[in-house]
N, C-alpha and C. Protein backbone atom coordinates (compact mmCIF):
# COMPACT_ATOMS: atom_id res chain seq x y z
N MET A 1 -44.34 -4.79 -3.53
CA MET A 1 -44.64 -5.83 -4.50
C MET A 1 -45.32 -7.00 -3.79
N LYS A 2 -46.45 -7.42 -4.28
CA LYS A 2 -47.22 -8.51 -3.70
C LYS A 2 -46.57 -9.85 -4.04
N SER A 3 -46.41 -10.70 -3.02
CA SER A 3 -45.80 -12.01 -3.21
C SER A 3 -46.87 -13.09 -3.09
N THR A 4 -46.57 -14.25 -3.65
CA THR A 4 -47.47 -15.39 -3.52
C THR A 4 -46.94 -16.42 -2.53
N LYS A 5 -45.83 -16.09 -1.84
CA LYS A 5 -45.24 -17.00 -0.86
C LYS A 5 -45.26 -16.34 0.51
N VAL A 6 -45.84 -17.03 1.50
CA VAL A 6 -45.96 -16.45 2.84
C VAL A 6 -44.59 -16.18 3.45
N GLU A 7 -43.59 -16.99 3.11
CA GLU A 7 -42.26 -16.77 3.69
C GLU A 7 -41.66 -15.42 3.31
N ASP A 8 -42.13 -14.84 2.21
CA ASP A 8 -41.66 -13.51 1.82
C ASP A 8 -42.15 -12.43 2.78
N TYR A 9 -43.14 -12.73 3.59
CA TYR A 9 -43.68 -11.76 4.54
C TYR A 9 -43.09 -11.92 5.95
N VAL A 10 -42.31 -12.98 6.16
CA VAL A 10 -41.70 -13.22 7.47
C VAL A 10 -40.40 -12.41 7.55
N ARG A 11 -40.34 -11.53 8.54
CA ARG A 11 -39.13 -10.73 8.75
C ARG A 11 -38.14 -11.57 9.56
N THR A 12 -36.88 -11.56 9.13
CA THR A 12 -35.82 -12.28 9.84
C THR A 12 -34.92 -11.26 10.53
N ILE A 13 -34.72 -11.46 11.83
CA ILE A 13 -33.90 -10.55 12.62
C ILE A 13 -32.69 -11.34 13.12
N PRO A 14 -31.50 -11.04 12.57
CA PRO A 14 -30.30 -11.78 12.99
C PRO A 14 -29.90 -11.45 14.43
N ASP A 15 -29.33 -12.45 15.09
CA ASP A 15 -28.75 -12.30 16.43
C ASP A 15 -29.75 -11.84 17.48
N PHE A 16 -31.01 -12.30 17.38
CA PHE A 16 -32.01 -12.00 18.40
C PHE A 16 -32.65 -13.32 18.82
N PRO A 17 -32.79 -13.62 20.07
CA PRO A 17 -32.45 -12.83 21.25
C PRO A 17 -30.98 -12.95 21.66
N GLU A 18 -30.19 -13.76 20.94
CA GLU A 18 -28.77 -13.90 21.26
C GLU A 18 -27.99 -14.12 19.97
N PRO A 19 -26.69 -13.91 19.99
CA PRO A 19 -25.88 -14.08 18.79
C PRO A 19 -26.03 -15.48 18.19
N GLY A 20 -26.12 -15.52 16.86
CA GLY A 20 -26.24 -16.79 16.15
C GLY A 20 -27.66 -17.23 15.88
N ILE A 21 -28.64 -16.57 16.50
CA ILE A 21 -30.04 -16.93 16.30
C ILE A 21 -30.63 -16.04 15.20
N MET A 22 -31.36 -16.67 14.28
CA MET A 22 -32.09 -15.93 13.25
C MET A 22 -33.56 -15.94 13.67
N PHE A 23 -34.03 -14.85 14.26
CA PHE A 23 -35.39 -14.77 14.78
C PHE A 23 -36.36 -14.58 13.63
N ARG A 24 -37.35 -15.45 13.54
CA ARG A 24 -38.38 -15.38 12.49
C ARG A 24 -39.60 -14.68 13.09
N ASP A 25 -39.82 -13.45 12.65
CA ASP A 25 -40.84 -12.57 13.25
C ASP A 25 -42.17 -12.70 12.51
N VAL A 26 -43.15 -13.25 13.20
CA VAL A 26 -44.47 -13.46 12.61
C VAL A 26 -45.28 -12.17 12.55
N THR A 27 -44.90 -11.15 13.32
CA THR A 27 -45.70 -9.92 13.31
C THR A 27 -45.71 -9.25 11.94
N SER A 28 -44.66 -9.43 11.17
CA SER A 28 -44.63 -8.84 9.83
C SER A 28 -45.65 -9.52 8.91
N VAL A 29 -45.96 -10.78 9.17
CA VAL A 29 -47.01 -11.48 8.42
C VAL A 29 -48.37 -10.92 8.81
N LEU A 30 -48.58 -10.73 10.10
CA LEU A 30 -49.87 -10.23 10.60
C LEU A 30 -50.16 -8.81 10.13
N GLN A 31 -49.11 -8.02 9.98
CA GLN A 31 -49.27 -6.61 9.62
C GLN A 31 -49.52 -6.38 8.14
N ASP A 32 -49.52 -7.42 7.34
CA ASP A 32 -49.76 -7.29 5.91
C ASP A 32 -50.96 -8.16 5.53
N ALA A 33 -51.99 -7.56 4.98
CA ALA A 33 -53.21 -8.31 4.66
C ALA A 33 -52.94 -9.47 3.72
N ASP A 34 -52.06 -9.27 2.74
CA ASP A 34 -51.75 -10.35 1.80
C ASP A 34 -50.98 -11.47 2.50
N GLY A 35 -50.02 -11.11 3.35
CA GLY A 35 -49.26 -12.10 4.09
C GLY A 35 -50.15 -12.89 5.04
N LEU A 36 -51.05 -12.20 5.73
CA LEU A 36 -51.97 -12.86 6.66
C LEU A 36 -52.88 -13.84 5.91
N LYS A 37 -53.39 -13.42 4.78
CA LYS A 37 -54.25 -14.32 3.99
C LYS A 37 -53.48 -15.56 3.54
N LEU A 38 -52.25 -15.36 3.07
CA LEU A 38 -51.43 -16.50 2.65
C LEU A 38 -51.17 -17.45 3.82
N ALA A 39 -50.92 -16.89 5.01
CA ALA A 39 -50.65 -17.71 6.18
C ALA A 39 -51.87 -18.55 6.56
N ILE A 40 -53.03 -17.91 6.66
CA ILE A 40 -54.26 -18.63 7.03
C ILE A 40 -54.60 -19.67 5.96
N ASP A 41 -54.53 -19.28 4.70
CA ASP A 41 -54.82 -20.22 3.61
C ASP A 41 -53.85 -21.39 3.60
N GLY A 42 -52.57 -21.11 3.89
CA GLY A 42 -51.56 -22.17 3.92
C GLY A 42 -51.81 -23.17 5.02
N ILE A 43 -52.17 -22.69 6.19
CA ILE A 43 -52.49 -23.58 7.31
C ILE A 43 -53.74 -24.39 6.99
N GLN A 44 -54.77 -23.70 6.49
CA GLN A 44 -56.04 -24.37 6.17
C GLN A 44 -55.85 -25.44 5.10
N ALA A 45 -54.97 -25.18 4.13
CA ALA A 45 -54.73 -26.15 3.05
C ALA A 45 -54.19 -27.47 3.60
N LYS A 46 -53.48 -27.42 4.72
CA LYS A 46 -52.92 -28.63 5.33
C LYS A 46 -54.01 -29.53 5.92
N LEU A 47 -55.24 -29.02 6.00
CA LEU A 47 -56.35 -29.77 6.59
C LEU A 47 -57.31 -30.33 5.54
N GLU A 48 -57.04 -30.06 4.27
CA GLU A 48 -57.94 -30.52 3.21
C GLU A 48 -58.09 -32.04 3.25
N GLY A 49 -59.34 -32.50 3.25
CA GLY A 49 -59.64 -33.92 3.24
C GLY A 49 -59.52 -34.61 4.60
N LEU A 50 -59.15 -33.88 5.63
CA LEU A 50 -58.99 -34.45 6.97
C LEU A 50 -60.32 -34.46 7.71
N ASP A 51 -60.63 -35.58 8.34
CA ASP A 51 -61.84 -35.70 9.16
C ASP A 51 -61.49 -35.31 10.59
N PHE A 52 -62.08 -34.21 11.07
CA PHE A 52 -61.84 -33.78 12.45
C PHE A 52 -63.02 -33.00 12.96
N ASP A 53 -63.07 -32.83 14.30
CA ASP A 53 -64.22 -32.21 14.95
C ASP A 53 -63.93 -30.83 15.52
N VAL A 54 -62.72 -30.62 16.01
CA VAL A 54 -62.39 -29.43 16.80
C VAL A 54 -61.00 -28.93 16.41
N ILE A 55 -60.82 -27.60 16.47
CA ILE A 55 -59.50 -27.00 16.35
C ILE A 55 -59.15 -26.41 17.71
N ALA A 56 -57.92 -26.68 18.16
CA ALA A 56 -57.42 -26.10 19.40
C ALA A 56 -56.17 -25.30 19.06
N GLY A 57 -55.97 -24.20 19.79
CA GLY A 57 -54.80 -23.36 19.58
C GLY A 57 -54.19 -22.95 20.90
N THR A 58 -52.86 -22.84 20.91
CA THR A 58 -52.15 -22.47 22.13
C THR A 58 -51.94 -20.96 22.17
N GLU A 59 -51.96 -20.45 23.39
CA GLU A 59 -51.82 -19.01 23.63
C GLU A 59 -50.46 -18.53 23.14
N SER A 60 -50.40 -17.45 22.49
CA SER A 60 -51.47 -16.63 21.98
C SER A 60 -51.54 -16.68 20.46
N ARG A 61 -50.42 -16.99 19.83
CA ARG A 61 -50.43 -16.98 18.37
C ARG A 61 -51.19 -18.16 17.77
N GLY A 62 -51.35 -19.23 18.53
CA GLY A 62 -52.22 -20.31 18.08
C GLY A 62 -53.66 -19.85 17.98
N PHE A 63 -54.04 -18.86 18.81
CA PHE A 63 -55.37 -18.25 18.70
C PHE A 63 -55.48 -17.48 17.39
N ILE A 64 -54.45 -16.70 17.11
CA ILE A 64 -54.46 -15.83 15.93
C ILE A 64 -54.61 -16.64 14.66
N PHE A 65 -53.89 -17.75 14.55
CA PHE A 65 -53.92 -18.54 13.32
C PHE A 65 -54.99 -19.63 13.33
N GLY A 66 -55.33 -20.16 14.50
CA GLY A 66 -56.32 -21.23 14.56
C GLY A 66 -57.75 -20.75 14.45
N MET A 67 -58.04 -19.59 15.04
CA MET A 67 -59.41 -19.09 15.06
C MET A 67 -59.99 -18.83 13.66
N PRO A 68 -59.26 -18.15 12.76
CA PRO A 68 -59.85 -17.94 11.43
C PRO A 68 -60.04 -19.25 10.66
N VAL A 69 -59.17 -20.23 10.88
CA VAL A 69 -59.34 -21.52 10.22
C VAL A 69 -60.60 -22.20 10.76
N ALA A 70 -60.78 -22.16 12.09
CA ALA A 70 -62.00 -22.73 12.68
C ALA A 70 -63.24 -22.04 12.12
N TYR A 71 -63.20 -20.74 12.02
CA TYR A 71 -64.32 -19.97 11.47
C TYR A 71 -64.60 -20.38 10.02
N ASN A 72 -63.54 -20.42 9.21
CA ASN A 72 -63.70 -20.77 7.80
C ASN A 72 -64.28 -22.17 7.60
N LEU A 73 -63.88 -23.10 8.46
CA LEU A 73 -64.31 -24.50 8.32
C LEU A 73 -65.52 -24.85 9.19
N HIS A 74 -66.07 -23.84 9.87
CA HIS A 74 -67.23 -24.01 10.74
C HIS A 74 -66.99 -25.11 11.78
N LYS A 75 -65.87 -24.97 12.50
CA LYS A 75 -65.50 -25.90 13.57
C LYS A 75 -65.40 -25.12 14.87
N PRO A 76 -65.65 -25.79 16.01
CA PRO A 76 -65.44 -25.12 17.29
C PRO A 76 -63.94 -24.89 17.52
N PHE A 77 -63.64 -23.89 18.34
CA PHE A 77 -62.25 -23.55 18.67
C PHE A 77 -62.06 -23.64 20.17
N VAL A 78 -61.00 -24.33 20.59
CA VAL A 78 -60.69 -24.53 22.00
C VAL A 78 -59.40 -23.78 22.34
N LEU A 79 -59.46 -23.05 23.45
CA LEU A 79 -58.31 -22.28 23.92
C LEU A 79 -57.42 -23.15 24.82
N VAL A 80 -56.12 -23.11 24.56
CA VAL A 80 -55.12 -23.68 25.46
C VAL A 80 -54.35 -22.49 26.00
N ARG A 81 -54.50 -22.23 27.31
CA ARG A 81 -54.00 -20.98 27.89
C ARG A 81 -52.94 -21.22 28.96
N LYS A 82 -52.26 -20.13 29.28
CA LYS A 82 -51.32 -20.15 30.40
C LYS A 82 -52.11 -20.36 31.69
N LYS A 83 -51.45 -20.95 32.67
CA LYS A 83 -52.08 -21.26 33.95
C LYS A 83 -52.73 -20.02 34.57
N GLY A 84 -53.96 -20.21 35.07
CA GLY A 84 -54.66 -19.16 35.79
C GLY A 84 -55.48 -18.21 34.93
N LYS A 85 -55.60 -18.46 33.64
CA LYS A 85 -56.31 -17.55 32.74
C LYS A 85 -57.73 -17.99 32.38
N LEU A 86 -58.07 -19.25 32.65
CA LEU A 86 -59.39 -19.76 32.27
C LEU A 86 -60.31 -19.76 33.49
N PRO A 87 -61.60 -19.36 33.33
CA PRO A 87 -62.48 -19.16 34.47
C PRO A 87 -63.16 -20.41 35.02
N CYS A 88 -63.28 -21.46 34.24
CA CYS A 88 -64.00 -22.66 34.71
C CYS A 88 -63.00 -23.72 35.15
N GLU A 89 -63.52 -24.88 35.52
CA GLU A 89 -62.67 -25.97 35.98
C GLU A 89 -61.73 -26.41 34.84
N THR A 90 -60.45 -26.58 35.16
CA THR A 90 -59.45 -26.86 34.14
C THR A 90 -58.66 -28.13 34.46
N ILE A 91 -57.95 -28.61 33.45
CA ILE A 91 -56.86 -29.57 33.64
C ILE A 91 -55.60 -28.84 33.21
N SER A 92 -54.46 -29.30 33.71
CA SER A 92 -53.21 -28.61 33.39
C SER A 92 -52.12 -29.60 33.04
N GLU A 93 -51.10 -29.09 32.41
CA GLU A 93 -49.93 -29.88 32.04
C GLU A 93 -48.72 -28.97 32.18
N THR A 94 -47.72 -29.45 32.87
CA THR A 94 -46.47 -28.72 33.05
C THR A 94 -45.42 -29.34 32.14
N TYR A 95 -44.61 -28.50 31.54
CA TYR A 95 -43.58 -28.98 30.61
C TYR A 95 -42.30 -28.16 30.82
N ASP A 96 -41.20 -28.70 30.33
CA ASP A 96 -39.90 -28.07 30.50
C ASP A 96 -39.64 -26.99 29.48
N LEU A 97 -39.03 -25.93 29.96
CA LEU A 97 -38.51 -24.85 29.12
C LEU A 97 -36.99 -24.93 29.18
N GLU A 98 -36.33 -24.08 28.42
CA GLU A 98 -34.87 -24.07 28.45
C GLU A 98 -34.36 -23.83 29.87
N TYR A 99 -34.99 -22.89 30.57
CA TYR A 99 -34.61 -22.60 31.96
C TYR A 99 -35.87 -22.61 32.81
N GLY A 100 -36.28 -23.78 33.30
CA GLY A 100 -37.44 -23.86 34.15
C GLY A 100 -38.58 -24.65 33.54
N THR A 101 -39.79 -24.34 33.99
CA THR A 101 -40.99 -25.03 33.51
C THR A 101 -42.09 -24.02 33.23
N ALA A 102 -43.11 -24.47 32.52
CA ALA A 102 -44.31 -23.67 32.28
C ALA A 102 -45.51 -24.61 32.40
N THR A 103 -46.66 -24.03 32.66
CA THR A 103 -47.90 -24.80 32.79
C THR A 103 -48.97 -24.18 31.92
N ILE A 104 -49.67 -25.03 31.18
CA ILE A 104 -50.80 -24.59 30.37
C ILE A 104 -52.04 -25.33 30.84
N GLU A 105 -53.21 -24.77 30.51
CA GLU A 105 -54.48 -25.34 30.95
C GLU A 105 -55.52 -25.32 29.84
N MET A 106 -56.51 -26.18 30.01
CA MET A 106 -57.72 -26.22 29.16
C MET A 106 -58.91 -26.42 30.08
N HIS A 107 -60.06 -25.95 29.64
CA HIS A 107 -61.29 -26.26 30.38
C HIS A 107 -61.53 -27.77 30.31
N LYS A 108 -61.99 -28.33 31.42
CA LYS A 108 -62.25 -29.77 31.49
C LYS A 108 -63.32 -30.21 30.50
N ASP A 109 -64.23 -29.32 30.17
CA ASP A 109 -65.33 -29.69 29.27
C ASP A 109 -65.09 -29.26 27.82
N SER A 110 -63.86 -28.86 27.49
CA SER A 110 -63.60 -28.33 26.14
C SER A 110 -63.47 -29.40 25.07
N ILE A 111 -63.08 -30.60 25.45
CA ILE A 111 -62.94 -31.72 24.52
C ILE A 111 -63.78 -32.87 25.05
N LYS A 112 -64.60 -33.43 24.17
CA LYS A 112 -65.43 -34.58 24.54
C LYS A 112 -64.72 -35.86 24.14
N PRO A 113 -64.92 -36.95 24.91
CA PRO A 113 -64.29 -38.23 24.55
C PRO A 113 -64.62 -38.62 23.10
N GLY A 114 -63.59 -39.03 22.38
CA GLY A 114 -63.75 -39.46 20.99
C GLY A 114 -63.60 -38.35 19.95
N GLN A 115 -63.57 -37.09 20.38
CA GLN A 115 -63.43 -36.02 19.40
C GLN A 115 -62.05 -36.03 18.76
N LYS A 116 -62.03 -35.75 17.46
CA LYS A 116 -60.79 -35.67 16.70
C LYS A 116 -60.37 -34.20 16.65
N VAL A 117 -59.15 -33.93 17.09
CA VAL A 117 -58.70 -32.56 17.31
C VAL A 117 -57.49 -32.23 16.43
N VAL A 118 -57.51 -31.02 15.88
CA VAL A 118 -56.36 -30.44 15.18
C VAL A 118 -55.79 -29.36 16.08
N LEU A 119 -54.48 -29.40 16.30
CA LEU A 119 -53.79 -28.35 17.04
C LEU A 119 -53.09 -27.42 16.06
N ILE A 120 -53.25 -26.11 16.26
CA ILE A 120 -52.63 -25.11 15.39
C ILE A 120 -51.83 -24.14 16.24
N ASP A 121 -50.61 -23.82 15.75
CA ASP A 121 -49.79 -22.80 16.39
C ASP A 121 -48.94 -22.13 15.31
N ASP A 122 -48.32 -21.02 15.69
CA ASP A 122 -47.52 -20.29 14.71
C ASP A 122 -46.17 -20.95 14.47
N LEU A 123 -45.61 -21.62 15.49
CA LEU A 123 -44.22 -22.05 15.40
C LEU A 123 -44.00 -23.36 16.14
N ILE A 124 -43.27 -24.27 15.51
CA ILE A 124 -42.75 -25.43 16.22
C ILE A 124 -41.25 -25.23 16.36
N ALA A 125 -40.81 -25.17 17.61
CA ALA A 125 -39.38 -25.04 17.92
C ALA A 125 -38.97 -26.35 18.59
N THR A 126 -39.00 -26.41 19.91
CA THR A 126 -38.64 -27.65 20.61
C THR A 126 -39.83 -28.59 20.75
N GLY A 127 -41.06 -28.09 20.56
CA GLY A 127 -42.25 -28.92 20.60
C GLY A 127 -42.88 -29.11 21.97
N GLY A 128 -42.31 -28.50 23.01
CA GLY A 128 -42.80 -28.72 24.37
C GLY A 128 -44.22 -28.25 24.62
N THR A 129 -44.55 -27.05 24.17
CA THR A 129 -45.89 -26.51 24.42
C THR A 129 -46.95 -27.34 23.73
N ILE A 130 -46.74 -27.64 22.46
CA ILE A 130 -47.77 -28.35 21.70
C ILE A 130 -47.89 -29.80 22.18
N GLN A 131 -46.78 -30.40 22.63
CA GLN A 131 -46.84 -31.75 23.18
C GLN A 131 -47.67 -31.75 24.47
N ALA A 132 -47.48 -30.73 25.31
CA ALA A 132 -48.27 -30.61 26.54
C ALA A 132 -49.75 -30.45 26.22
N ALA A 133 -50.07 -29.65 25.20
CA ALA A 133 -51.47 -29.48 24.78
C ALA A 133 -52.05 -30.81 24.30
N ALA A 134 -51.27 -31.55 23.53
CA ALA A 134 -51.74 -32.86 23.03
C ALA A 134 -52.01 -33.81 24.19
N HIS A 135 -51.14 -33.80 25.19
CA HIS A 135 -51.35 -34.68 26.34
C HIS A 135 -52.65 -34.35 27.06
N MET A 136 -52.97 -33.06 27.20
CA MET A 136 -54.24 -32.70 27.85
C MET A 136 -55.43 -33.16 27.02
N ILE A 137 -55.37 -32.97 25.72
CA ILE A 137 -56.46 -33.42 24.84
C ILE A 137 -56.68 -34.92 25.00
N GLU A 138 -55.60 -35.67 25.05
CA GLU A 138 -55.69 -37.12 25.20
C GLU A 138 -56.24 -37.50 26.58
N ARG A 139 -55.86 -36.78 27.61
CA ARG A 139 -56.40 -37.05 28.95
C ARG A 139 -57.90 -36.82 29.01
N LEU A 140 -58.40 -35.89 28.19
CA LEU A 140 -59.84 -35.62 28.12
C LEU A 140 -60.57 -36.60 27.21
N GLY A 141 -59.83 -37.52 26.58
CA GLY A 141 -60.46 -38.53 25.72
C GLY A 141 -60.47 -38.17 24.25
N GLY A 142 -59.85 -37.05 23.89
CA GLY A 142 -59.76 -36.66 22.49
C GLY A 142 -58.59 -37.32 21.79
N LYS A 143 -58.60 -37.26 20.47
CA LYS A 143 -57.50 -37.80 19.67
C LYS A 143 -56.95 -36.68 18.80
N VAL A 144 -55.65 -36.42 18.93
CA VAL A 144 -55.00 -35.41 18.10
C VAL A 144 -54.73 -36.04 16.73
N VAL A 145 -55.44 -35.55 15.71
CA VAL A 145 -55.30 -36.13 14.38
C VAL A 145 -54.31 -35.36 13.50
N LYS A 146 -53.95 -34.14 13.92
CA LYS A 146 -52.97 -33.38 13.15
C LYS A 146 -52.52 -32.18 13.96
N MET A 147 -51.25 -31.78 13.74
CA MET A 147 -50.70 -30.54 14.27
C MET A 147 -50.20 -29.74 13.08
N VAL A 148 -50.62 -28.47 13.00
CA VAL A 148 -50.21 -27.62 11.88
C VAL A 148 -49.60 -26.34 12.42
N PHE A 149 -48.45 -25.99 11.85
CA PHE A 149 -47.71 -24.80 12.24
C PHE A 149 -47.46 -23.93 11.02
N LEU A 150 -47.43 -22.63 11.23
CA LEU A 150 -47.05 -21.74 10.14
C LEU A 150 -45.57 -21.92 9.85
N MET A 151 -44.73 -21.94 10.90
CA MET A 151 -43.28 -22.03 10.72
C MET A 151 -42.70 -23.14 11.58
N GLU A 152 -41.62 -23.72 11.09
CA GLU A 152 -40.90 -24.76 11.83
C GLU A 152 -39.42 -24.42 11.83
N LEU A 153 -38.82 -24.48 13.01
CA LEU A 153 -37.37 -24.34 13.14
C LEU A 153 -36.79 -25.74 13.27
N ALA A 154 -36.45 -26.34 12.13
CA ALA A 154 -36.06 -27.75 12.09
C ALA A 154 -34.83 -28.04 12.93
N GLY A 155 -33.94 -27.07 13.08
CA GLY A 155 -32.71 -27.26 13.85
C GLY A 155 -32.94 -27.48 15.33
N LEU A 156 -34.15 -27.22 15.82
CA LEU A 156 -34.45 -27.43 17.24
C LEU A 156 -35.11 -28.79 17.51
N ASN A 157 -35.34 -29.57 16.45
CA ASN A 157 -35.79 -30.97 16.56
C ASN A 157 -37.13 -31.17 17.25
N GLY A 158 -38.04 -30.20 17.16
CA GLY A 158 -39.36 -30.36 17.75
C GLY A 158 -40.14 -31.51 17.15
N ARG A 159 -39.92 -31.78 15.89
CA ARG A 159 -40.61 -32.88 15.21
C ARG A 159 -40.30 -34.22 15.87
N GLU A 160 -39.08 -34.36 16.37
CA GLU A 160 -38.68 -35.61 17.04
C GLU A 160 -39.53 -35.82 18.30
N LYS A 161 -39.76 -34.75 19.05
CA LYS A 161 -40.58 -34.85 20.27
C LYS A 161 -42.03 -35.20 19.90
N LEU A 162 -42.46 -34.82 18.71
CA LEU A 162 -43.84 -35.02 18.27
C LEU A 162 -43.97 -36.17 17.27
N LYS A 163 -43.04 -37.11 17.30
CA LYS A 163 -42.98 -38.17 16.29
C LYS A 163 -44.22 -39.06 16.25
N ASP A 164 -44.99 -39.07 17.33
CA ASP A 164 -46.20 -39.88 17.38
C ASP A 164 -47.41 -39.19 16.75
N TYR A 165 -47.21 -37.98 16.24
CA TYR A 165 -48.31 -37.19 15.68
C TYR A 165 -48.06 -36.86 14.21
N ASP A 166 -49.13 -36.54 13.51
CA ASP A 166 -49.06 -36.06 12.13
C ASP A 166 -48.77 -34.55 12.20
N VAL A 167 -47.57 -34.16 11.84
CA VAL A 167 -47.11 -32.78 11.96
C VAL A 167 -46.83 -32.21 10.57
N GLU A 168 -47.37 -31.01 10.30
CA GLU A 168 -47.08 -30.31 9.05
C GLU A 168 -46.82 -28.85 9.34
N SER A 169 -45.94 -28.27 8.54
CA SER A 169 -45.62 -26.85 8.64
C SER A 169 -45.71 -26.22 7.27
N VAL A 170 -46.18 -24.98 7.24
CA VAL A 170 -46.27 -24.25 5.97
C VAL A 170 -44.87 -23.85 5.50
N ILE A 171 -44.02 -23.39 6.44
CA ILE A 171 -42.65 -22.97 6.14
C ILE A 171 -41.71 -23.76 7.05
N VAL A 172 -40.63 -24.28 6.49
CA VAL A 172 -39.61 -24.98 7.30
C VAL A 172 -38.29 -24.23 7.12
N TYR A 173 -37.73 -23.79 8.24
CA TYR A 173 -36.40 -23.18 8.28
C TYR A 173 -35.45 -24.23 8.84
N GLU A 174 -34.34 -24.45 8.18
CA GLU A 174 -33.42 -25.52 8.57
C GLU A 174 -32.69 -25.23 9.88
N GLY A 175 -32.44 -23.99 10.22
CA GLY A 175 -31.66 -23.66 11.41
C GLY A 175 -32.50 -23.55 12.65
N LYS A 176 -31.96 -22.74 13.59
CA LYS A 176 -32.64 -22.52 14.88
C LYS A 176 -33.38 -21.22 14.82
């Protein structure tokens, strides 16, 4: 049965990766043409009337959801990748994970000073990755005008870390 709500296409897996966690699986959205269309349209709708120049997405699901929006709106798309994956000169940002740190990079020439940037990703949990991406954009002279996520795990308080930004999510789950 075809649904008109993207959340109906998100598979929930209880107790993964540990007991008490309700894992929200985005692959079930990607595997259904109707679900994928609803997801892309839902993200794109959050940008209506917004003045911006560039869309950036974080590896790898930010690529999946950001690229079609960039294509639809005829905007350039900038990759934010894991350390060591980009071939030209890069800048990097290291951020904290639950156990350890991670580093992401962007090409130094990917954002021009004064450009208005939208960041897109599939999920906001603790907000660390997207905050690191925003910091790199700002170091390059860009301005993050909006962050859009398909899903938000409100119980992990990522929005608090991103309180200085305009953040919107298509689906908000109250738990973790």
